[in-house]
PDB file of all heavy atoms in Angstrom:
ATOM      1  N   SER A   1      82.414 -33.940 108.773  1.00  0.00           N
ATOM      2  CA  SER A   1      83.323 -34.071 109.852  1.00  0.00           C
ATOM      3  C   SER A   1      84.911 -33.948 109.442  1.00  0.00           C
ATOM      4  O   SER A   1      85.816 -33.946 110.250  1.00  0.00           O
ATOM      5  CB  SER A   1      83.185 -35.327 110.691  1.00  0.00           C
ATOM      6  OG  SER A   1      83.419 -36.392 109.951  1.00  0.00           O
ATOM      7  N   ASN A   2      85.125 -33.958 108.079  1.00  0.00           N
ATOM      8  CA  ASN A   2      86.525 -33.799 107.694  1.00  0.00           C
ATOM      9  C   ASN A   2      86.970 -32.362 107.686  1.00  0.00           C
ATOM     10  O   ASN A   2      88.098 -31.954 107.384  1.00  0.00           O
ATOM     11  CB  ASN A   2      86.730 -34.300 106.318  1.00  0.00           C
ATOM     12  CG  ASN A   2      85.836 -33.768 105.198  1.00  0.00           C
ATOM     13  OD1 ASN A   2      85.050 -32.911 105.505  1.00  0.00           O
ATOM     14  ND2 ASN A   2      86.050 -34.181 104.010  1.00  0.00           N
ATOM     15  N   HIS A   3      86.029 -31.474 108.125  1.00  0.00           N
ATOM     16  CA  HIS A   3      86.313 -30.035 108.199  1.00  0.00           C
ATOM     17  C   HIS A   3      87.261 -29.801 109.341  1.00  0.00           C
ATOM     18  O   HIS A   3      87.155 -30.415 110.423  1.00  0.00           O
ATOM     19  CB  HIS A   3      85.033 -29.231 108.503  1.00  0.00           C
ATOM     20  CG  HIS A   3      85.193 -27.715 108.266  1.00  0.00           C
ATOM     21  ND1 HIS A   3      85.856 -26.949 109.160  1.00  0.00           N
ATOM     22  CD2 HIS A   3      84.728 -26.962 107.350  1.00  0.00           C
ATOM     23  CE1 HIS A   3      85.796 -25.783 108.672  1.00  0.00           C
ATOM     24  NE2 HIS A   3      85.250 -25.657 107.640  1.00  0.00           N
ATOM     25  N   PRO A   4      88.467 -29.060 109.183  1.00  0.00           N
ATOM     26  CA  PRO A   4      89.414 -28.930 110.215  1.00  0.00           C
ATOM     27  C   PRO A   4      89.032 -28.209 111.356  1.00  0.00           C
ATOM     28  O   PRO A   4      89.661 -28.299 112.471  1.00  0.00           O
ATOM     29  CB  PRO A   4      90.559 -28.186 109.472  1.00  0.00           C
ATOM     30  CG  PRO A   4      89.888 -27.411 108.434  1.00  0.00           C
ATOM     31  CD  PRO A   4      88.646 -28.275 107.935  1.00  0.00           C
ATOM     32  N   ARG A   5      87.891 -27.534 111.429  1.00  0.00           N
ATOM     33  CA  ARG A   5      87.407 -26.751 112.631  1.00  0.00           C
ATOM     34  C   ARG A   5      86.662 -27.598 113.665  1.00  0.00           C
ATOM     35  O   ARG A   5      86.491 -27.065 114.748  1.00  0.00           O
ATOM     36  CB  ARG A   5      86.480 -25.571 112.127  1.00  0.00           C
ATOM     37  CG  ARG A   5      87.306 -24.728 111.205  1.00  0.00           C
ATOM     38  CD  ARG A   5      87.762 -23.436 111.634  1.00  0.00           C
ATOM     39  NE  ARG A   5      86.984 -22.626 112.592  1.00  0.00           N
ATOM     40  CZ  ARG A   5      85.966 -21.725 112.143  1.00  0.00           C
ATOM     41  NH1 ARG A   5      85.731 -21.539 110.999  1.00  0.00           N
ATOM     42  NH2 ARG A   5      85.307 -21.172 113.147  1.00  0.00           N
ATOM     43  N   PHE A   6      86.213 -28.742 113.326  1.00  0.00           N
ATOM     44  CA  PHE A   6      85.498 -29.469 114.335  1.00  0.00           C
ATOM     45  C   PHE A   6      85.582 -31.040 114.182  1.00  0.00           C
ATOM     46  O   PHE A   6      85.803 -31.465 113.036  1.00  0.00           O
ATOM     47  CB  PHE A   6      84.039 -29.110 114.455  1.00  0.00           C
ATOM     48  CG  PHE A   6      83.222 -28.980 113.242  1.00  0.00           C
ATOM     49  CD1 PHE A   6      82.850 -30.125 112.592  1.00  0.00           C
ATOM     50  CD2 PHE A   6      82.996 -27.766 112.738  1.00  0.00           C
ATOM     51  CE1 PHE A   6      82.151 -30.056 111.362  1.00  0.00           C
ATOM     52  CE2 PHE A   6      82.280 -27.732 111.544  1.00  0.00           C
ATOM     53  CZ  PHE A   6      81.838 -28.828 110.854  1.00  0.00           C
ATOM     54  N   VAL A   7      85.459 -31.734 115.234  1.00  0.00           N
ATOM     55  CA  VAL A   7      85.392 -33.174 115.287  1.00  0.00           C
ATOM     56  C   VAL A   7      84.071 -33.523 115.980  1.00  0.00           C
ATOM     57  O   VAL A   7      83.792 -33.101 116.989  1.00  0.00           O
ATOM     58  CB  VAL A   7      86.550 -33.764 116.086  1.00  0.00           C
ATOM     59  CG1 VAL A   7      86.486 -35.200 116.172  1.00  0.00           C
ATOM     60  CG2 VAL A   7      87.805 -33.292 115.428  1.00  0.00           C
ATOM     61  N   PHE A   8      83.215 -34.418 115.330  1.00  0.00           N
ATOM     62  CA  PHE A   8      82.079 -34.833 115.867  1.00  0.00           C
ATOM     63  C   PHE A   8      82.152 -36.193 116.591  1.00  0.00           C
ATOM     64  O   PHE A   8      82.862 -36.993 116.104  1.00  0.00           O
ATOM     65  CB  PHE A   8      80.945 -34.980 114.762  1.00  0.00           C
ATOM     66  CG  PHE A   8      80.560 -33.632 114.146  1.00  0.00           C
ATOM     67  CD1 PHE A   8      80.731 -33.353 112.865  1.00  0.00           C
ATOM     68  CD2 PHE A   8      80.051 -32.661 114.988  1.00  0.00           C
ATOM     69  CE1 PHE A   8      80.341 -32.119 112.365  1.00  0.00           C
ATOM     70  CE2 PHE A   8      79.618 -31.389 114.364  1.00  0.00           C
ATOM     71  CZ  PHE A   8      79.796 -31.206 113.109  1.00  0.00           C
ATOM     72  N   GLU A   9      81.468 -36.322 117.750  1.00  0.00           N
ATOM     73  CA  GLU A   9      81.344 -37.488 118.461  1.00  0.00           C
ATOM     74  C   GLU A   9      79.888 -37.907 118.509  1.00  0.00           C
ATOM     75  O   GLU A   9      79.040 -37.210 118.805  1.00  0.00           O
ATOM     76  CB  GLU A   9      81.876 -37.348 120.013  1.00  0.00           C
ATOM     77  CG  GLU A   9      83.344 -37.179 120.077  1.00  0.00           C
ATOM     78  CD  GLU A   9      84.173 -38.293 119.818  1.00  0.00           C
ATOM     79  OE1 GLU A   9      83.713 -39.434 119.946  1.00  0.00           O
ATOM     80  OE2 GLU A   9      85.322 -38.162 119.418  1.00  0.00           O
ATOM     81  N   PHE A  10      79.631 -39.253 118.233  1.00  0.00           N
ATOM     82  CA  PHE A  10      78.309 -39.764 118.234  1.00  0.00           C
ATOM     83  C   PHE A  10      78.278 -40.926 119.234  1.00  0.00           C
ATOM     84  O   PHE A  10      79.331 -41.580 119.388  1.00  0.00           O
ATOM     85  CB  PHE A  10      77.889 -40.236 116.898  1.00  0.00           C
ATOM     86  CG  PHE A  10      77.864 -39.219 115.741  1.00  0.00           C
ATOM     87  CD1 PHE A  10      79.095 -38.933 115.139  1.00  0.00           C
ATOM     88  CD2 PHE A  10      76.823 -38.329 115.692  1.00  0.00           C
ATOM     89  CE1 PHE A  10      79.138 -37.991 114.124  1.00  0.00           C
ATOM     90  CE2 PHE A  10      76.919 -37.361 114.725  1.00  0.00           C
ATOM     91  CZ  PHE A  10      78.004 -37.157 113.942  1.00  0.00           C
ATOM     92  N   ASP A  11      77.184 -41.225 119.830  1.00  0.00           N
ATOM     93  CA  ASP A  11      77.044 -42.407 120.669  1.00  0.00           C
ATOM     94  C   ASP A  11      75.652 -42.995 120.444  1.00  0.00           C
ATOM     95  O   ASP A  11      74.680 -42.254 120.729  1.00  0.00           O
ATOM     96  CB  ASP A  11      77.193 -42.083 122.140  1.00  0.00           C
ATOM     97  CG  ASP A  11      77.435 -43.336 122.953  1.00  0.00           C
ATOM     98  OD1 ASP A  11      76.657 -44.254 122.908  1.00  0.00           O
ATOM     99  OD2 ASP A  11      78.572 -43.344 123.634  1.00  0.00           O
ATOM    100  N   ASN A  12      75.611 -44.121 119.916  1.00  0.00           N
ATOM    101  CA  ASN A  12      74.309 -44.768 119.603  1.00  0.00           C
ATOM    102  C   ASN A  12      73.805 -45.818 120.560  1.00  0.00           C
ATOM    103  O   ASN A  12      72.850 -46.478 120.388  1.00  0.00           O
ATOM    104  CB  ASN A  12      74.392 -45.489 118.169  1.00  0.00           C
ATOM    105  CG  ASN A  12      74.709 -44.444 117.127  1.00  0.00           C
ATOM    106  OD1 ASN A  12      74.072 -43.448 117.068  1.00  0.00           O
ATOM    107  ND2 ASN A  12      75.465 -44.893 116.166  1.00  0.00           N
ATOM    108  N   ARG A  13      74.539 -45.902 121.756  1.00  0.00           N
ATOM    109  CA  ARG A  13      74.053 -46.929 122.720  1.00  0.00           C
ATOM    110  C   ARG A  13      72.802 -46.715 123.415  1.00  0.00           C
ATOM    111  O   ARG A  13      72.146 -47.620 123.837  1.00  0.00           O
ATOM    112  CB  ARG A  13      75.264 -46.973 123.853  1.00  0.00           C
ATOM    113  CG  ARG A  13      76.385 -47.615 123.311  1.00  0.00           C
ATOM    114  CD  ARG A  13      77.491 -47.778 124.320  1.00  0.00           C
ATOM    115  NE  ARG A  13      78.178 -46.425 124.328  1.00  0.00           N
ATOM    116  CZ  ARG A  13      79.277 -46.213 124.879  1.00  0.00           C
ATOM    117  NH1 ARG A  13      79.909 -47.108 125.652  1.00  0.00           N
ATOM    118  NH2 ARG A  13      79.858 -44.940 124.970  1.00  0.00           N
ATOM    119  N   SER A  14      72.339 -45.464 123.420  1.00  0.00           N
ATOM    120  CA  SER A  14      71.009 -45.248 124.070  1.00  0.00           C
ATOM    121  C   SER A  14      69.844 -45.533 123.216  1.00  0.00           C
ATOM    122  O   SER A  14      68.627 -45.578 123.759  1.00  0.00           O
ATOM    123  CB  SER A  14      70.955 -43.769 124.626  1.00  0.00           C
ATOM    124  OG  SER A  14      70.838 -42.935 123.387  1.00  0.00           O
ATOM    125  N   VAL A  15      70.058 -45.909 121.965  1.00  0.00           N
ATOM    126  CA  VAL A  15      68.890 -46.169 121.076  1.00  0.00           C
ATOM    127  C   VAL A  15      67.915 -47.139 121.600  1.00  0.00           C
ATOM    128  O   VAL A  15      66.708 -46.898 121.496  1.00  0.00           O
ATOM    129  CB  VAL A  15      69.478 -46.570 119.650  1.00  0.00           C
ATOM    130  CG1 VAL A  15      68.311 -46.879 118.647  1.00  0.00           C
ATOM    131  CG2 VAL A  15      70.375 -45.523 119.107  1.00  0.00           C
ATOM    132  N   GLN A  16      68.280 -48.263 121.958  1.00  0.00           N
ATOM    133  CA  GLN A  16      67.403 -49.290 122.356  1.00  0.00           C
ATOM    134  C   GLN A  16      67.349 -49.538 123.962  1.00  0.00           C
ATOM    135  O   GLN A  16      66.711 -50.433 124.412  1.00  0.00           O
ATOM    136  CB  GLN A  16      67.853 -50.647 121.786  1.00  0.00           C
ATOM    137  CG  GLN A  16      67.829 -50.637 120.228  1.00  0.00           C
ATOM    138  CD  GLN A  16      66.478 -50.338 119.633  1.00  0.00           C
ATOM    139  OE1 GLN A  16      65.403 -50.864 120.155  1.00  0.00           O
ATOM    140  NE2 GLN A  16      66.476 -49.738 118.666  1.00  0.00           N
ATOM    141  N   THR A  17      67.855 -48.564 124.628  1.00  0.00           N
ATOM    142  CA  THR A  17      67.877 -48.686 126.119  1.00  0.00           C
ATOM    143  C   THR A  17      67.072 -47.565 126.752  1.00  0.00           C
ATOM    144  O   THR A  17      67.195 -46.365 126.573  1.00  0.00           O
ATOM    145  CB  THR A  17      69.349 -48.470 126.634  1.00  0.00           C
ATOM    146  OG1 THR A  17      70.169 -49.562 125.944  1.00  0.00           O
ATOM    147  CG2 THR A  17      69.410 -48.731 128.137  1.00  0.00           C
ATOM    148  N   ALA A  18      66.037 -47.964 127.579  1.00  0.00           N
ATOM    149  CA  ALA A  18      65.217 -47.054 128.250  1.00  0.00           C
ATOM    150  C   ALA A  18      66.076 -46.313 129.320  1.00  0.00           C
ATOM    151  O   ALA A  18      66.955 -46.929 130.010  1.00  0.00           O
ATOM    152  CB  ALA A  18      64.047 -47.710 128.948  1.00  0.00           C
ATOM    153  N   ILE A  19      65.850 -45.077 129.505  1.00  0.00           N
ATOM    154  CA  ILE A  19      66.695 -44.197 130.417  1.00  0.00           C
ATOM    155  C   ILE A  19      66.461 -44.704 131.817  1.00  0.00           C
ATOM    156  O   ILE A  19      67.360 -44.549 132.693  1.00  0.00           O
ATOM    157  CB  ILE A  19      66.365 -42.817 130.276  1.00  0.00           C
ATOM    158  CG1 ILE A  19      67.465 -41.982 130.897  1.00  0.00           C
ATOM    159  CG2 ILE A  19      64.994 -42.363 130.799  1.00  0.00           C
ATOM    160  CD1 ILE A  19      67.544 -40.505 130.444  1.00  0.00           C
ATOM    161  N   ASN A  20      65.504 -45.418 132.183  1.00  0.00           N
ATOM    162  CA  ASN A  20      65.193 -45.897 133.544  1.00  0.00           C
ATOM    163  C   ASN A  20      65.483 -47.225 133.685  1.00  0.00           C
ATOM    164  O   ASN A  20      65.151 -47.902 134.696  1.00  0.00           O
ATOM    165  CB  ASN A  20      63.813 -45.469 134.027  1.00  0.00           C
ATOM    166  CG  ASN A  20      62.768 -46.015 133.069  1.00  0.00           C
ATOM    167  OD1 ASN A  20      62.975 -46.674 132.138  1.00  0.00           O
ATOM    168  ND2 ASN A  20      61.451 -45.894 133.486  1.00  0.00           N
ATOM    169  N   SER A  21      66.147 -47.957 132.704  1.00  0.00           N
ATOM    170  CA  SER A  21      66.293 -49.421 132.744  1.00  0.00           C
ATOM    171  C   SER A  21      67.515 -49.617 133.560  1.00  0.00           C
ATOM    172  O   SER A  21      68.356 -48.766 133.858  1.00  0.00           O
ATOM    173  CB  SER A  21      66.522 -50.002 131.338  1.00  0.00           C
ATOM    174  OG  SER A  21      67.740 -49.660 130.852  1.00  0.00           O
ATOM    175  N   GLU A  22      67.843 -50.923 133.819  1.00  0.00           N
ATOM    176  CA  GLU A  22      69.004 -51.383 134.579  1.00  0.00           C
ATOM    177  C   GLU A  22      70.331 -51.093 133.732  1.00  0.00           C
ATOM    178  O   GLU A  22      71.445 -50.892 134.283  1.00  0.00           O
ATOM    179  CB  GLU A  22      68.939 -52.874 134.971  1.00  0.00           C
ATOM    180  CG  GLU A  22      67.833 -52.998 136.103  1.00  0.00           C
ATOM    181  CD  GLU A  22      67.779 -54.522 136.524  1.00  0.00           C
ATOM    182  OE1 GLU A  22      68.736 -55.298 136.171  1.00  0.00           O
ATOM    183  OE2 GLU A  22      66.801 -54.897 137.094  1.00  0.00           O
ATOM    184  N   ASP A  23      70.122 -51.188 132.357  1.00  0.00           N
ATOM    185  CA  ASP A  23      71.258 -50.945 131.539  1.00  0.00           C
ATOM    186  C   ASP A  23      71.649 -49.488 131.358  1.00  0.00           C
ATOM    187  O   ASP A  23      72.664 -49.228 130.857  1.00  0.00           O
ATOM    188  CB  ASP A  23      71.064 -51.541 130.125  1.00  0.00           C
ATOM    189  CG  ASP A  23      70.921 -53.003 130.214  1.00  0.00           C
ATOM    190  OD1 ASP A  23      71.549 -53.706 131.025  1.00  0.00           O
ATOM    191  OD2 ASP A  23      70.257 -53.712 129.317  1.00  0.00           O
ATOM    192  N   ALA A  24      70.707 -48.589 131.829  1.00  0.00           N
ATOM    193  CA  ALA A  24      71.063 -47.158 131.543  1.00  0.00           C
ATOM    194  C   ALA A  24      72.269 -46.670 132.190  1.00  0.00           C
ATOM    195  O   ALA A  24      72.938 -45.747 131.712  1.00  0.00           O
ATOM    196  CB  ALA A  24      69.760 -46.442 131.958  1.00  0.00           C
ATOM    197  N   SER A  25      72.614 -47.148 133.321  1.00  0.00           N
ATOM    198  CA  SER A  25      73.783 -46.671 134.001  1.00  0.00           C
ATOM    199  C   SER A  25      75.071 -46.869 133.266  1.00  0.00           C
ATOM    200  O   SER A  25      75.939 -46.100 133.159  1.00  0.00           O
ATOM    201  CB  SER A  25      73.891 -47.177 135.432  1.00  0.00           C
ATOM    202  OG  SER A  25      74.045 -48.546 135.478  1.00  0.00           O
ATOM    203  N   ARG A  26      75.159 -48.030 132.513  1.00  0.00           N
ATOM    204  CA  ARG A  26      76.274 -48.454 131.704  1.00  0.00           C
ATOM    205  C   ARG A  26      76.343 -47.496 130.441  1.00  0.00           C
ATOM    206  O   ARG A  26      77.395 -46.958 130.131  1.00  0.00           O
ATOM    207  CB  ARG A  26      76.187 -49.898 131.302  1.00  0.00           C
ATOM    208  CG  ARG A  26      77.400 -50.351 130.577  1.00  0.00           C
ATOM    209  CD  ARG A  26      77.394 -51.874 130.396  1.00  0.00           C
ATOM    210  NE  ARG A  26      76.080 -52.463 130.255  1.00  0.00           N
ATOM    211  CZ  ARG A  26      75.369 -52.573 129.066  1.00  0.00           C
ATOM    212  NH1 ARG A  26      76.000 -52.141 128.023  1.00  0.00           N
ATOM    213  NH2 ARG A  26      74.211 -53.154 129.020  1.00  0.00           N
ATOM    214  N   VAL A  27      75.077 -47.223 129.848  1.00  0.00           N
ATOM    215  CA  VAL A  27      75.051 -46.266 128.834  1.00  0.00           C
ATOM    216  C   VAL A  27      75.413 -44.921 129.158  1.00  0.00           C
ATOM    217  O   VAL A  27      76.351 -44.276 128.362  1.00  0.00           O
ATOM    218  CB  VAL A  27      73.598 -46.388 128.097  1.00  0.00           C
ATOM    219  CG1 VAL A  27      73.533 -45.417 127.023  1.00  0.00           C
ATOM    220  CG2 VAL A  27      73.351 -47.874 127.603  1.00  0.00           C
ATOM    221  N   LYS A  28      74.930 -44.515 130.261  1.00  0.00           N
ATOM    222  CA  LYS A  28      75.235 -43.089 130.690  1.00  0.00           C
ATOM    223  C   LYS A  28      76.714 -42.908 131.029  1.00  0.00           C
ATOM    224  O   LYS A  28      77.323 -41.935 130.655  1.00  0.00           O
ATOM    225  CB  LYS A  28      74.493 -42.800 131.942  1.00  0.00           C
ATOM    226  CG  LYS A  28      73.028 -42.574 131.789  1.00  0.00           C
ATOM    227  CD  LYS A  28      72.206 -42.249 133.085  1.00  0.00           C
ATOM    228  CE  LYS A  28      70.742 -42.023 132.784  1.00  0.00           C
ATOM    229  NZ  LYS A  28      70.096 -41.764 134.175  1.00  0.00           N
ATOM    230  N   ALA A  29      77.347 -44.016 131.462  1.00  0.00           N
ATOM    231  CA  ALA A  29      78.802 -43.889 131.816  1.00  0.00           C
ATOM    232  C   ALA A  29      79.586 -43.795 130.412  1.00  0.00           C
ATOM    233  O   ALA A  29      80.454 -43.011 130.324  1.00  0.00           O
ATOM    234  CB  ALA A  29      79.304 -45.106 132.522  1.00  0.00           C
ATOM    235  N   GLY A  30      79.146 -44.503 129.389  1.00  0.00           N
ATOM    236  CA  GLY A  30      79.805 -44.409 128.117  1.00  0.00           C
ATOM    237  C   GLY A  30      79.544 -43.122 127.426  1.00  0.00           C
ATOM    238  O   GLY A  30      80.448 -42.505 126.841  1.00  0.00           O
ATOM    239  N   ILE A  31      78.386 -42.588 127.471  1.00  0.00           N
ATOM    240  CA  ILE A  31      78.017 -41.291 126.963  1.00  0.00           C
ATOM    241  C   ILE A  31      78.801 -40.254 127.702  1.00  0.00           C
ATOM    242  O   ILE A  31      79.492 -39.358 127.055  1.00  0.00           O
ATOM    243  CB  ILE A  31      76.584 -40.944 126.938  1.00  0.00           C
ATOM    244  CG1 ILE A  31      75.848 -41.949 126.009  1.00  0.00           C
ATOM    245  CG2 ILE A  31      76.336 -39.576 126.680  1.00  0.00           C
ATOM    246  CD1 ILE A  31      74.252 -41.889 126.142  1.00  0.00           C
ATOM    247  N   SER A  32      78.862 -40.338 129.062  1.00  0.00           N
ATOM    248  CA  SER A  32      79.575 -39.268 129.822  1.00  0.00           C
ATOM    249  C   SER A  32      81.061 -39.276 129.422  1.00  0.00           C
ATOM    250  O   SER A  32      81.673 -38.229 129.417  1.00  0.00           O
ATOM    251  CB  SER A  32      79.380 -39.566 131.286  1.00  0.00           C
ATOM    252  OG  SER A  32      78.175 -39.316 131.736  1.00  0.00           O
TER     253      SER A  32
END
């Protein structure tokens, strides 16, 4: 990622959250 042509973004919040759980909307908002 120190290459001048790109910047990488990562989001690890979905790791322990089921996509259909109550917490998923908060995770989706952060990822979005």
